[in-house]
């Protein structure tokens, strides 16, 4: 999202979200990474917190970690996530850099709170009505045998689908997108290899992510094929920072994409989950779908 007026889409988005919070009995707000774009400037964090205060004073604001809050190459001794080494998870195939401006997630962990059932803000889970939500980190080791991988599987395996029939996972970097410049991205490929089979095994309903500043939705899918019992992947990276105007490949599993500022809303009961994407430019619904049990 970032801070208005530096990011032109931020205030229109938060104003519209606030209206929904007040009039639609919204239960919580989900923001999965790249929150303030302060990148080491404390005044921008203060401005961002003032920007969202009208919503956070009413409902929980549940944040996940993104590259612009966490990625660093030095200062690992101050890393609140406990990742090893001076720069944390930095495999040769990744493109993890200096994106936090030296913050290393320290401002995030002091400004936001999370349940203590995982690893602080970096990975955790919570329940809202009929939905179990799992936040995981694409900025940390998610490969099989990692501590995060083991925790995700344990959490997914413990979900009571009678009490919470809907299962949503969320992280910052995309597992699926048809944006041309992201084709061949090694992090995306490793997410496919490491976590997609687990999500399919435990019947995850939605996988939410951002990083690319646009909107895109897949069919329910597994291994790049539409299947009835697959996971629906939704890119929701259009909250307020500059938009990405990219070329899309037109893959068959990509149902809809758009390049406008906006936000999404989830409305769920025990049998139906309705997902709505609203555009700021005209306040119209750009995309919507319903999942049924």
C-alpha atoms as a PDB file:
ATOM      1  CA  UNK A   1       0.000   0.000   0.000  1.00  0.00           C
ATOM      2  CA  UNK A   2       2.499   2.615   1.085  1.00  0.00           C
ATOM      3  CA  UNK A   3       1.732   6.127   2.289  1.00  0.00           C
ATOM      4  CA  UNK A   4      -0.398   8.802   0.624  1.00  0.00           C
ATOM      5  CA  UNK A   5       0.422  11.219  -1.012  1.00  0.00           C
ATOM      6  CA  UNK A   6       3.693   9.497  -1.927  1.00  0.00           C
ATOM      7  CA  UNK A   7       1.743   6.524  -3.278  1.00  0.00           C
ATOM      8  CA  UNK A   8      -1.253   7.889  -5.169  1.00  0.00           C
ATOM      9  CA  UNK A   9      -3.486   4.870  -4.663  1.00  0.00           C
ATOM     10  CA  UNK A  10      -3.047   4.489  -0.902  1.00  0.00           C
ATOM     11  CA  UNK A  11      -5.598   6.979   0.436  1.00  0.00           C
ATOM     12  CA  UNK A  12      -8.387   6.050  -2.005  1.00  0.00           C
ATOM     13  CA  UNK A  13      -7.952   2.409  -1.019  1.00  0.00           C
ATOM     14  CA  UNK A  14      -7.915   2.950   2.740  1.00  0.00           C
ATOM     15  CA  UNK A  15     -10.885   5.361   2.508  1.00  0.00           C
ATOM     16  CA  UNK A  16     -12.929   2.725   0.705  1.00  0.00           C
ATOM     17  CA  UNK A  17     -11.844  -0.029   3.083  1.00  0.00           C
ATOM     18  CA  UNK A  18     -12.838   2.174   6.034  1.00  0.00           C
ATOM     19  CA  UNK A  19     -16.283   2.657   4.528  1.00  0.00           C
ATOM     20  CA  UNK A  20     -16.642  -1.125   4.257  1.00  0.00           C
ATOM     21  CA  UNK A  21     -15.464  -1.572   7.847  1.00  0.00           C
ATOM     22  CA  UNK A  22     -18.063   0.885   9.133  1.00  0.00           C
ATOM     23  CA  UNK A  23     -21.037  -0.162   6.991  1.00  0.00           C
ATOM     24  CA  UNK A  24     -20.487  -3.881   6.262  1.00  0.00           C
ATOM     25  CA  UNK A  25     -19.572  -5.309   9.651  1.00  0.00           C
ATOM     26  CA  UNK A  26     -16.063  -6.223   8.470  1.00  0.00           C
ATOM     27  CA  UNK A  27     -14.303  -8.534  10.934  1.00  0.00           C
ATOM     28  CA  UNK A  28     -10.618  -8.035  10.050  1.00  0.00           C
ATOM     29  CA  UNK A  29      -8.264  -6.590   7.448  1.00  0.00           C
ATOM     30  CA  UNK A  30      -5.557  -8.727   5.803  1.00  0.00           C
ATOM     31  CA  UNK A  31      -2.391  -7.051   4.488  1.00  0.00           C
ATOM     32  CA  UNK A  32       0.231  -9.531   3.317  1.00  0.00           C
ATOM     33  CA  UNK A  33       3.542  -7.724   3.027  1.00  0.00           C
ATOM     34  CA  UNK A  34       4.906  -4.444   1.623  1.00  0.00           C
ATOM     35  CA  UNK A  35       2.967  -2.467   4.169  1.00  0.00           C
ATOM     36  CA  UNK A  36       4.366   1.088   4.531  1.00  0.00           C
ATOM     37  CA  UNK A  37       7.363   1.154   2.150  1.00  0.00           C
ATOM     38  CA  UNK A  38       9.154   3.192   4.826  1.00  0.00           C
ATOM     39  CA  UNK A  39      12.434   1.379   4.068  1.00  0.00           C
ATOM     40  CA  UNK A  40      14.249   2.801   7.080  1.00  0.00           C
ATOM     41  CA  UNK A  41      12.486   6.179   7.364  1.00  0.00           C
ATOM     42  CA  UNK A  42      10.684   6.302  10.700  1.00  0.00           C
ATOM     43  CA  UNK A  43       8.538   9.297   9.746  1.00  0.00           C
ATOM     44  CA  UNK A  44       6.967   7.258   6.940  1.00  0.00           C
ATOM     45  CA  UNK A  45       6.048   4.533   9.412  1.00  0.00           C
ATOM     46  CA  UNK A  46       4.378   7.177  11.608  1.00  0.00           C
ATOM     47  CA  UNK A  47       2.489   8.532   8.594  1.00  0.00           C
ATOM     48  CA  UNK A  48       1.367   5.050   7.578  1.00  0.00           C
ATOM     49  CA  UNK A  49       0.097   4.208  11.062  1.00  0.00           C
ATOM     50  CA  UNK A  50      -1.866   7.495  11.099  1.00  0.00           C
ATOM     51  CA  UNK A  51      -3.278   6.617   7.684  1.00  0.00           C
ATOM     52  CA  UNK A  52      -4.723   3.286   8.850  1.00  0.00           C
ATOM     53  CA  UNK A  53      -5.668   4.336  12.400  1.00  0.00           C
ATOM     54  CA  UNK A  54      -9.358   4.775  11.618  1.00  0.00           C
ATOM     55  CA  UNK A  55      -9.510   1.093  10.626  1.00  0.00           C
ATOM     56  CA  UNK A  56      -7.122  -0.378  13.207  1.00  0.00           C
ATOM     57  CA  UNK A  57      -9.091   1.304  16.000  1.00  0.00           C
ATOM     58  CA  UNK A  58     -12.108  -0.758  14.911  1.00  0.00           C
ATOM     59  CA  UNK A  59     -10.880  -4.148  13.669  1.00  0.00           C
ATOM     60  CA  UNK A  60      -7.709  -6.275  13.742  1.00  0.00           C
ATOM     61  CA  UNK A  61      -5.181  -5.406  11.029  1.00  0.00           C
ATOM     62  CA  UNK A  62      -3.423  -8.706  10.304  1.00  0.00           C
ATOM     63  CA  UNK A  63      -0.082  -8.232   8.553  1.00  0.00           C
ATOM     64  CA  UNK A  64       2.345 -10.622   6.897  1.00  0.00           C
ATOM     65  CA  UNK A  65       5.980 -10.019   6.044  1.00  0.00           C
ATOM     66  CA  UNK A  66       7.144  -8.746   2.658  1.00  0.00           C
ATOM     67  CA  UNK A  67      10.480  -8.012   1.050  1.00  0.00           C
ATOM     68  CA  UNK A  68      10.190  -4.280   1.811  1.00  0.00           C
ATOM     69  CA  UNK A  69       9.898  -4.981   5.531  1.00  0.00           C
ATOM     70  CA  UNK A  70      12.444  -7.746   5.846  1.00  0.00           C
ATOM     71  CA  UNK A  71      15.053  -8.316   3.127  1.00  0.00           C
ATOM     72  CA  UNK A  72      18.571  -7.454   4.273  1.00  0.00           C
ATOM     73  CA  UNK A  73      22.152  -8.610   3.731  1.00  0.00           C
ATOM     74  CA  UNK A  74      23.780  -7.557   7.036  1.00  0.00           C
ATOM     75  CA  UNK A  75      22.681  -7.092  10.640  1.00  0.00           C
ATOM     76  CA  UNK A  76      21.463 -10.638  11.112  1.00  0.00           C
ATOM     77  CA  UNK A  77      22.195 -10.443  14.839  1.00  0.00           C
ATOM     78  CA  UNK A  78      19.250  -8.026  15.128  1.00  0.00           C
ATOM     79  CA  UNK A  79      16.879 -10.115  12.970  1.00  0.00           C
ATOM     80  CA  UNK A  80      13.792 -10.727  15.149  1.00  0.00           C
ATOM     81  CA  UNK A  81      12.837 -13.790  13.102  1.00  0.00           C
ATOM     82  CA  UNK A  82      15.910 -15.712  14.265  1.00  0.00           C
ATOM     83  CA  UNK A  83      16.976 -16.583  10.705  1.00  0.00           C
ATOM     84  CA  UNK A  84      20.622 -17.743  10.574  1.00  0.00           C
ATOM     85  CA  UNK A  85      23.477 -15.728   9.094  1.00  0.00           C
ATOM     86  CA  UNK A  86      23.886 -11.987   8.466  1.00  0.00           C
ATOM     87  CA  UNK A  87      21.278 -11.892   5.684  1.00  0.00           C
ATOM     88  CA  UNK A  88      18.889 -14.708   6.534  1.00  0.00           C
ATOM     89  CA  UNK A  89      17.588 -16.941   3.726  1.00  0.00           C
ATOM     90  CA  UNK A  90      19.650 -16.134   0.629  1.00  0.00           C
ATOM     91  CA  UNK A  91      19.860 -19.158  -1.697  1.00  0.00           C
ATOM     92  CA  UNK A  92      21.703 -18.780  -5.001  1.00  0.00           C
ATOM     93  CA  UNK A  93      18.449 -19.109  -6.925  1.00  0.00           C
ATOM     94  CA  UNK A  94      16.695 -16.289  -5.024  1.00  0.00           C
ATOM     95  CA  UNK A  95      16.686 -12.546  -5.679  1.00  0.00           C
ATOM     96  CA  UNK A  96      16.593 -11.435  -2.066  1.00  0.00           C
ATOM     97  CA  UNK A  97      18.339  -8.078  -1.629  1.00  0.00           C
ATOM     98  CA  UNK A  98      18.366  -4.836   0.383  1.00  0.00           C
ATOM     99  CA  UNK A  99      14.662  -4.132  -0.036  1.00  0.00           C
ATOM    100  CA  UNK A 100      13.886  -3.182   3.588  1.00  0.00           C
ATOM    101  CA  UNK A 101      16.417  -0.349   3.663  1.00  0.00           C
ATOM    102  CA  UNK A 102      18.019  -1.971   6.690  1.00  0.00           C
ATOM    103  CA  UNK A 103      14.806  -2.424   8.694  1.00  0.00           C
ATOM    104  CA  UNK A 104      15.129  -6.214   8.906  1.00  0.00           C
ATOM    105  CA  UNK A 105      11.477  -6.306  10.155  1.00  0.00           C
ATOM    106  CA  UNK A 106      12.319  -4.541  13.432  1.00  0.00           C
ATOM    107  CA  UNK A 107       9.725  -1.730  12.969  1.00  0.00           C
ATOM    108  CA  UNK A 108       7.089  -4.284  11.930  1.00  0.00           C
ATOM    109  CA  UNK A 109       7.395  -6.415  15.054  1.00  0.00           C
ATOM    110  CA  UNK A 110       7.201  -3.342  17.284  1.00  0.00           C
ATOM    111  CA  UNK A 111       4.153  -1.855  15.547  1.00  0.00           C
ATOM    112  CA  UNK A 112       1.993  -4.938  14.916  1.00  0.00           C
ATOM    113  CA  UNK A 113       0.999  -8.015  16.872  1.00  0.00           C
ATOM    114  CA  UNK A 114       0.157 -11.600  15.939  1.00  0.00           C
ATOM    115  CA  UNK A 115      -0.834 -14.838  17.617  1.00  0.00           C
ATOM    116  CA  UNK A 116       2.148 -16.621  19.181  1.00  0.00           C
ATOM    117  CA  UNK A 117       1.492 -20.011  17.572  1.00  0.00           C
ATOM    118  CA  UNK A 118       4.238 -19.770  14.935  1.00  0.00           C
ATOM    119  CA  UNK A 119       7.212 -17.432  14.582  1.00  0.00           C
ATOM    120  CA  UNK A 120       5.898 -13.979  15.439  1.00  0.00           C
ATOM    121  CA  UNK A 121       4.748 -11.950  12.431  1.00  0.00           C
ATOM    122  CA  UNK A 122       6.769 -14.163  10.090  1.00  0.00           C
ATOM    123  CA  UNK A 123       4.480 -17.191  10.102  1.00  0.00           C
ATOM    124  CA  UNK A 124       1.360 -17.758  12.181  1.00  0.00           C
ATOM    125  CA  UNK A 125      -2.305 -18.748  11.893  1.00  0.00           C
ATOM    126  CA  UNK A 126      -5.638 -17.470  13.179  1.00  0.00           C
ATOM    127  CA  UNK A 127      -9.348 -18.130  12.761  1.00  0.00           C
ATOM    128  CA  UNK A 128     -12.140 -15.746  11.761  1.00  0.00           C
ATOM    129  CA  UNK A 129     -15.592 -17.298  11.914  1.00  0.00           C
ATOM    130  CA  UNK A 130     -15.632 -20.268   9.487  1.00  0.00           C
ATOM    131  CA  UNK A 131     -12.152 -19.475   8.079  1.00  0.00           C
ATOM    132  CA  UNK A 132      -8.716 -20.706   9.160  1.00  0.00           C
ATOM    133  CA  UNK A 133      -5.993 -18.360   7.863  1.00  0.00           C
ATOM    134  CA  UNK A 134      -2.307 -19.288   7.610  1.00  0.00           C
ATOM    135  CA  UNK A 135       0.348 -16.636   6.940  1.00  0.00           C
ATOM    136  CA  UNK A 136       3.713 -17.927   5.771  1.00  0.00           C
ATOM    137  CA  UNK A 137       6.877 -16.122   4.693  1.00  0.00           C
ATOM    138  CA  UNK A 138       8.411 -16.241   1.238  1.00  0.00           C
ATOM    139  CA  UNK A 139      11.343 -14.234   2.652  1.00  0.00           C
ATOM    140  CA  UNK A 140      12.379 -17.166   4.866  1.00  0.00           C
ATOM    141  CA  UNK A 141      13.324 -20.757   4.162  1.00  0.00           C
ATOM    142  CA  UNK A 142      10.186 -22.591   3.011  1.00  0.00           C
ATOM    143  CA  UNK A 143      11.926 -25.656   1.568  1.00  0.00           C
ATOM    144  CA  UNK A 144      11.150 -29.166   2.853  1.00  0.00           C
ATOM    145  CA  UNK A 145      12.989 -29.863   6.132  1.00  0.00           C
ATOM    146  CA  UNK A 146      12.976 -26.153   7.074  1.00  0.00           C
ATOM    147  CA  UNK A 147      11.395 -25.114  10.369  1.00  0.00           C
ATOM    148  CA  UNK A 148       8.787 -23.068   8.522  1.00  0.00           C
ATOM    149  CA  UNK A 149       7.831 -25.939   6.208  1.00  0.00           C
ATOM    150  CA  UNK A 150       7.379 -28.264   9.182  1.00  0.00           C
ATOM    151  CA  UNK A 151       5.274 -25.688  11.012  1.00  0.00           C
ATOM    152  CA  UNK A 152       3.023 -25.067   7.976  1.00  0.00           C
ATOM    153  CA  UNK A 153       2.339 -28.771   7.534  1.00  0.00           C
ATOM    154  CA  UNK A 154       1.637 -29.253  11.220  1.00  0.00           C
ATOM    155  CA  UNK A 155      -0.757 -26.307  11.250  1.00  0.00           C
ATOM    156  CA  UNK A 156      -2.608 -27.358   8.087  1.00  0.00           C
ATOM    157  CA  UNK A 157      -2.898 -30.905   9.397  1.00  0.00           C
ATOM    158  CA  UNK A 158      -4.435 -29.704  12.662  1.00  0.00           C
ATOM    159  CA  UNK A 159      -7.279 -27.657  11.152  1.00  0.00           C
ATOM    160  CA  UNK A 160     -10.746 -28.783  12.194  1.00  0.00           C
ATOM    161  CA  UNK A 161     -12.600 -28.491   8.900  1.00  0.00           C
ATOM    162  CA  UNK A 162     -15.923 -29.040  10.665  1.00  0.00           C
ATOM    163  CA  UNK A 163     -15.412 -25.906  12.744  1.00  0.00           C
ATOM    164  CA  UNK A 164     -13.553 -23.906  10.059  1.00  0.00           C
ATOM    165  CA  UNK A 165     -14.458 -25.421   6.671  1.00  0.00           C
ATOM    166  CA  UNK A 166     -12.549 -22.721   4.719  1.00  0.00           C
ATOM    167  CA  UNK A 167      -8.762 -22.746   4.594  1.00  0.00           C
ATOM    168  CA  UNK A 168      -6.870 -19.685   3.292  1.00  0.00           C
ATOM    169  CA  UNK A 169      -3.096 -19.346   3.068  1.00  0.00           C
ATOM    170  CA  UNK A 170      -1.256 -16.103   2.367  1.00  0.00           C
ATOM    171  CA  UNK A 171       2.280 -14.925   1.704  1.00  0.00           C
ATOM    172  CA  UNK A 172       3.921 -12.026  -0.084  1.00  0.00           C
ATOM    173  CA  UNK A 173       5.525 -13.407  -3.261  1.00  0.00           C
ATOM    174  CA  UNK A 174       3.335 -15.130  -5.860  1.00  0.00           C
ATOM    175  CA  UNK A 175       3.160 -18.842  -6.400  1.00  0.00           C
ATOM    176  CA  UNK A 176       1.334 -18.299  -9.707  1.00  0.00           C
ATOM    177  CA  UNK A 177       1.151 -15.405 -12.146  1.00  0.00           C
ATOM    178  CA  UNK A 178       1.100 -15.054 -15.909  1.00  0.00           C
ATOM    179  CA  UNK A 179       3.037 -11.771 -15.895  1.00  0.00           C
ATOM    180  CA  UNK A 180       5.698 -12.242 -18.582  1.00  0.00           C
ATOM    181  CA  UNK A 181       8.588 -10.770 -16.576  1.00  0.00           C
ATOM    182  CA  UNK A 182       7.918 -13.254 -13.776  1.00  0.00           C
ATOM    183  CA  UNK A 183       8.086 -16.323 -16.021  1.00  0.00           C
ATOM    184  CA  UNK A 184      11.046 -18.431 -14.965  1.00  0.00           C
ATOM    185  CA  UNK A 185      11.258 -16.793 -11.542  1.00  0.00           C
ATOM    186  CA  UNK A 186      13.123 -19.300  -9.377  1.00  0.00           C
ATOM    187  CA  UNK A 187      11.316 -18.371  -6.172  1.00  0.00           C
ATOM    188  CA  UNK A 188       7.998 -19.089  -7.883  1.00  0.00           C
ATOM    189  CA  UNK A 189       9.321 -22.408  -9.150  1.00  0.00           C
ATOM    190  CA  UNK A 190      10.540 -23.389  -5.685  1.00  0.00           C
ATOM    191  CA  UNK A 191       7.160 -22.486  -4.182  1.00  0.00           C
ATOM    192  CA  UNK A 192       5.588 -24.856  -6.726  1.00  0.00           C
ATOM    193  CA  UNK A 193       7.947 -27.670  -5.796  1.00  0.00           C
ATOM    194  CA  UNK A 194       7.922 -27.143  -2.045  1.00  0.00           C
ATOM    195  CA  UNK A 195       4.482 -25.955  -0.977  1.00  0.00           C
ATOM    196  CA  UNK A 196       1.940 -26.532  -3.746  1.00  0.00           C
ATOM    197  CA  UNK A 197       1.702 -30.307  -3.142  1.00  0.00           C
ATOM    198  CA  UNK A 198       1.138 -29.640   0.561  1.00  0.00           C
ATOM    199  CA  UNK A 199      -1.608 -27.093  -0.116  1.00  0.00           C
ATOM    200  CA  UNK A 200      -3.345 -29.529  -2.462  1.00  0.00           C
ATOM    201  CA  UNK A 201      -3.007 -32.376   0.041  1.00  0.00           C
ATOM    202  CA  UNK A 202      -4.696 -30.396   2.810  1.00  0.00           C
ATOM    203  CA  UNK A 203      -7.399 -28.995   0.482  1.00  0.00           C
ATOM    204  CA  UNK A 204      -6.505 -25.322   0.770  1.00  0.00           C
ATOM    205  CA  UNK A 205      -9.257 -23.191  -0.789  1.00  0.00           C
ATOM    206  CA  UNK A 206      -7.460 -19.874  -1.456  1.00  0.00           C
ATOM    207  CA  UNK A 207      -3.813 -18.863  -1.783  1.00  0.00           C
ATOM    208  CA  UNK A 208      -3.427 -15.063  -1.545  1.00  0.00           C
ATOM    209  CA  UNK A 209      -0.253 -13.185  -2.458  1.00  0.00           C
ATOM    210  CA  UNK A 210       1.019  -9.832  -3.728  1.00  0.00           C
ATOM    211  CA  UNK A 211       4.488  -8.479  -4.712  1.00  0.00           C
ATOM    212  CA  UNK A 212       3.364  -7.764  -8.287  1.00  0.00           C
ATOM    213  CA  UNK A 213       1.232  -4.608  -8.258  1.00  0.00           C
ATOM    214  CA  UNK A 214      -1.867  -5.784 -10.075  1.00  0.00           C
ATOM    215  CA  UNK A 215      -4.755  -8.238  -9.743  1.00  0.00           C
ATOM    216  CA  UNK A 216      -4.996 -11.750 -11.184  1.00  0.00           C
ATOM    217  CA  UNK A 217      -7.105 -14.820 -10.401  1.00  0.00           C
ATOM    218  CA  UNK A 218      -6.663 -18.437 -11.375  1.00  0.00           C
ATOM    219  CA  UNK A 219      -9.162 -21.231 -11.719  1.00  0.00           C
ATOM    220  CA  UNK A 220      -9.074 -23.870  -8.959  1.00  0.00           C
ATOM    221  CA  UNK A 221      -5.857 -25.567 -10.033  1.00  0.00           C
ATOM    222  CA  UNK A 222      -2.993 -27.923  -9.349  1.00  0.00           C
ATOM    223  CA  UNK A 223       0.266 -28.154 -11.298  1.00  0.00           C
ATOM    224  CA  UNK A 224      -0.858 -25.497 -13.808  1.00  0.00           C
ATOM    225  CA  UNK A 225      -4.063 -27.353 -14.660  1.00  0.00           C
ATOM    226  CA  UNK A 226      -7.630 -26.464 -13.730  1.00  0.00           C
ATOM    227  CA  UNK A 227      -9.083 -29.187 -11.494  1.00  0.00           C
ATOM    228  CA  UNK A 228     -12.308 -29.292  -9.498  1.00  0.00           C
ATOM    229  CA  UNK A 229     -10.551 -29.844  -6.154  1.00  0.00           C
ATOM    230  CA  UNK A 230      -7.667 -27.426  -6.752  1.00  0.00           C
ATOM    231  CA  UNK A 231      -6.476 -24.255  -5.034  1.00  0.00           C
ATOM    232  CA  UNK A 232      -7.646 -20.851  -6.304  1.00  0.00           C
ATOM    233  CA  UNK A 233      -4.692 -18.447  -6.453  1.00  0.00           C
ATOM    234  CA  UNK A 234      -5.335 -14.700  -6.250  1.00  0.00           C
ATOM    235  CA  UNK A 235      -2.782 -11.923  -6.759  1.00  0.00           C
ATOM    236  CA  UNK A 236      -3.905  -8.896  -4.704  1.00  0.00           C
ATOM    237  CA  UNK A 237      -0.993  -6.483  -5.114  1.00  0.00           C
ATOM    238  CA  UNK A 238      -2.928  -3.347  -6.099  1.00  0.00           C
ATOM    239  CA  UNK A 239      -3.563  -1.656  -2.726  1.00  0.00           C
ATOM    240  CA  UNK A 240      -1.896   1.685  -3.414  1.00  0.00           C
ATOM    241  CA  UNK A 241       1.751   1.564  -4.456  1.00  0.00           C
ATOM    242  CA  UNK A 242       2.510   2.275  -8.130  1.00  0.00           C
ATOM    243  CA  UNK A 243       0.784  -0.147 -10.478  1.00  0.00           C
ATOM    244  CA  UNK A 244       2.689  -2.627 -12.639  1.00  0.00           C
ATOM    245  CA  UNK A 245       1.639  -2.505 -16.288  1.00  0.00           C
ATOM    246  CA  UNK A 246       2.868  -5.795 -17.662  1.00  0.00           C
ATOM    247  CA  UNK A 247       2.144  -8.203 -20.481  1.00  0.00           C
ATOM    248  CA  UNK A 248       0.329 -11.419 -19.527  1.00  0.00           C
ATOM    249  CA  UNK A 249       0.913 -14.752 -21.238  1.00  0.00           C
ATOM    250  CA  UNK A 250      -2.742 -15.701 -21.546  1.00  0.00           C
ATOM    251  CA  UNK A 251      -2.318 -19.086 -19.833  1.00  0.00           C
ATOM    252  CA  UNK A 252      -5.579 -21.052 -19.729  1.00  0.00           C
ATOM    253  CA  UNK A 253      -5.627 -21.242 -15.932  1.00  0.00           C
ATOM    254  CA  UNK A 254      -5.654 -17.421 -15.606  1.00  0.00           C
ATOM    255  CA  UNK A 255      -9.313 -16.448 -15.383  1.00  0.00           C
ATOM    256  CA  UNK A 256      -9.052 -12.666 -14.955  1.00  0.00           C
ATOM    257  CA  UNK A 257      -6.452  -9.928 -14.513  1.00  0.00           C
ATOM    258  CA  UNK A 258      -6.611  -6.166 -14.109  1.00  0.00           C
ATOM    259  CA  UNK A 259      -4.203  -3.267 -13.589  1.00  0.00           C
ATOM    260  CA  UNK A 260      -6.065  -0.805 -11.383  1.00  0.00           C
ATOM    261  CA  UNK A 261      -5.852   0.241  -7.735  1.00  0.00           C
ATOM    262  CA  UNK A 262      -8.367  -1.550  -5.564  1.00  0.00           C
ATOM    263  CA  UNK A 263      -9.053  -3.994  -2.764  1.00  0.00           C
ATOM    264  CA  UNK A 264     -10.807  -7.305  -2.206  1.00  0.00           C
ATOM    265  CA  UNK A 265     -13.444  -8.542   0.208  1.00  0.00           C
ATOM    266  CA  UNK A 266     -14.236 -12.046   1.444  1.00  0.00           C
ATOM    267  CA  UNK A 267     -17.711 -12.914   2.712  1.00  0.00           C
ATOM    268  CA  UNK A 268     -18.128 -16.453   4.021  1.00  0.00           C
ATOM    269  CA  UNK A 269     -20.514 -18.722   5.855  1.00  0.00           C
ATOM    270  CA  UNK A 270     -20.189 -22.468   6.372  1.00  0.00           C
ATOM    271  CA  UNK A 271     -21.219 -23.405   2.837  1.00  0.00           C
ATOM    272  CA  UNK A 272     -20.270 -20.463   0.607  1.00  0.00           C
ATOM    273  CA  UNK A 273     -17.259 -18.172   0.230  1.00  0.00           C
ATOM    274  CA  UNK A 274     -17.802 -15.111  -1.943  1.00  0.00           C
ATOM    275  CA  UNK A 275     -14.738 -13.163  -3.129  1.00  0.00           C
ATOM    276  CA  UNK A 276     -15.070  -9.641  -4.562  1.00  0.00           C
ATOM    277  CA  UNK A 277     -12.471  -7.378  -6.212  1.00  0.00           C
ATOM    278  CA  UNK A 278     -13.431  -3.702  -6.310  1.00  0.00           C
ATOM    279  CA  UNK A 279     -11.674  -1.062  -8.406  1.00  0.00           C
ATOM    280  CA  UNK A 280     -11.006   2.392  -6.926  1.00  0.00           C
ATOM    281  CA  UNK A 281     -11.280   4.185 -10.268  1.00  0.00           C
ATOM    282  CA  UNK A 282     -15.020   3.594 -10.668  1.00  0.00           C
ATOM    283  CA  UNK A 283     -16.043   1.777  -7.444  1.00  0.00           C
ATOM    284  CA  UNK A 284     -17.305  -1.111  -9.552  1.00  0.00           C
ATOM    285  CA  UNK A 285     -16.762  -4.830  -9.071  1.00  0.00           C
ATOM    286  CA  UNK A 286     -14.009  -5.899 -11.440  1.00  0.00           C
ATOM    287  CA  UNK A 287     -14.108  -9.587 -10.574  1.00  0.00           C
ATOM    288  CA  UNK A 288     -16.004 -11.898  -8.230  1.00  0.00           C
ATOM    289  CA  UNK A 289     -16.437 -15.611  -7.674  1.00  0.00           C
ATOM    290  CA  UNK A 290     -18.055 -17.998  -5.231  1.00  0.00           C
ATOM    291  CA  UNK A 291     -16.646 -21.232  -3.806  1.00  0.00           C
ATOM    292  CA  UNK A 292     -19.059 -23.794  -2.357  1.00  0.00           C
ATOM    293  CA  UNK A 293     -18.699 -26.703   0.029  1.00  0.00           C
END
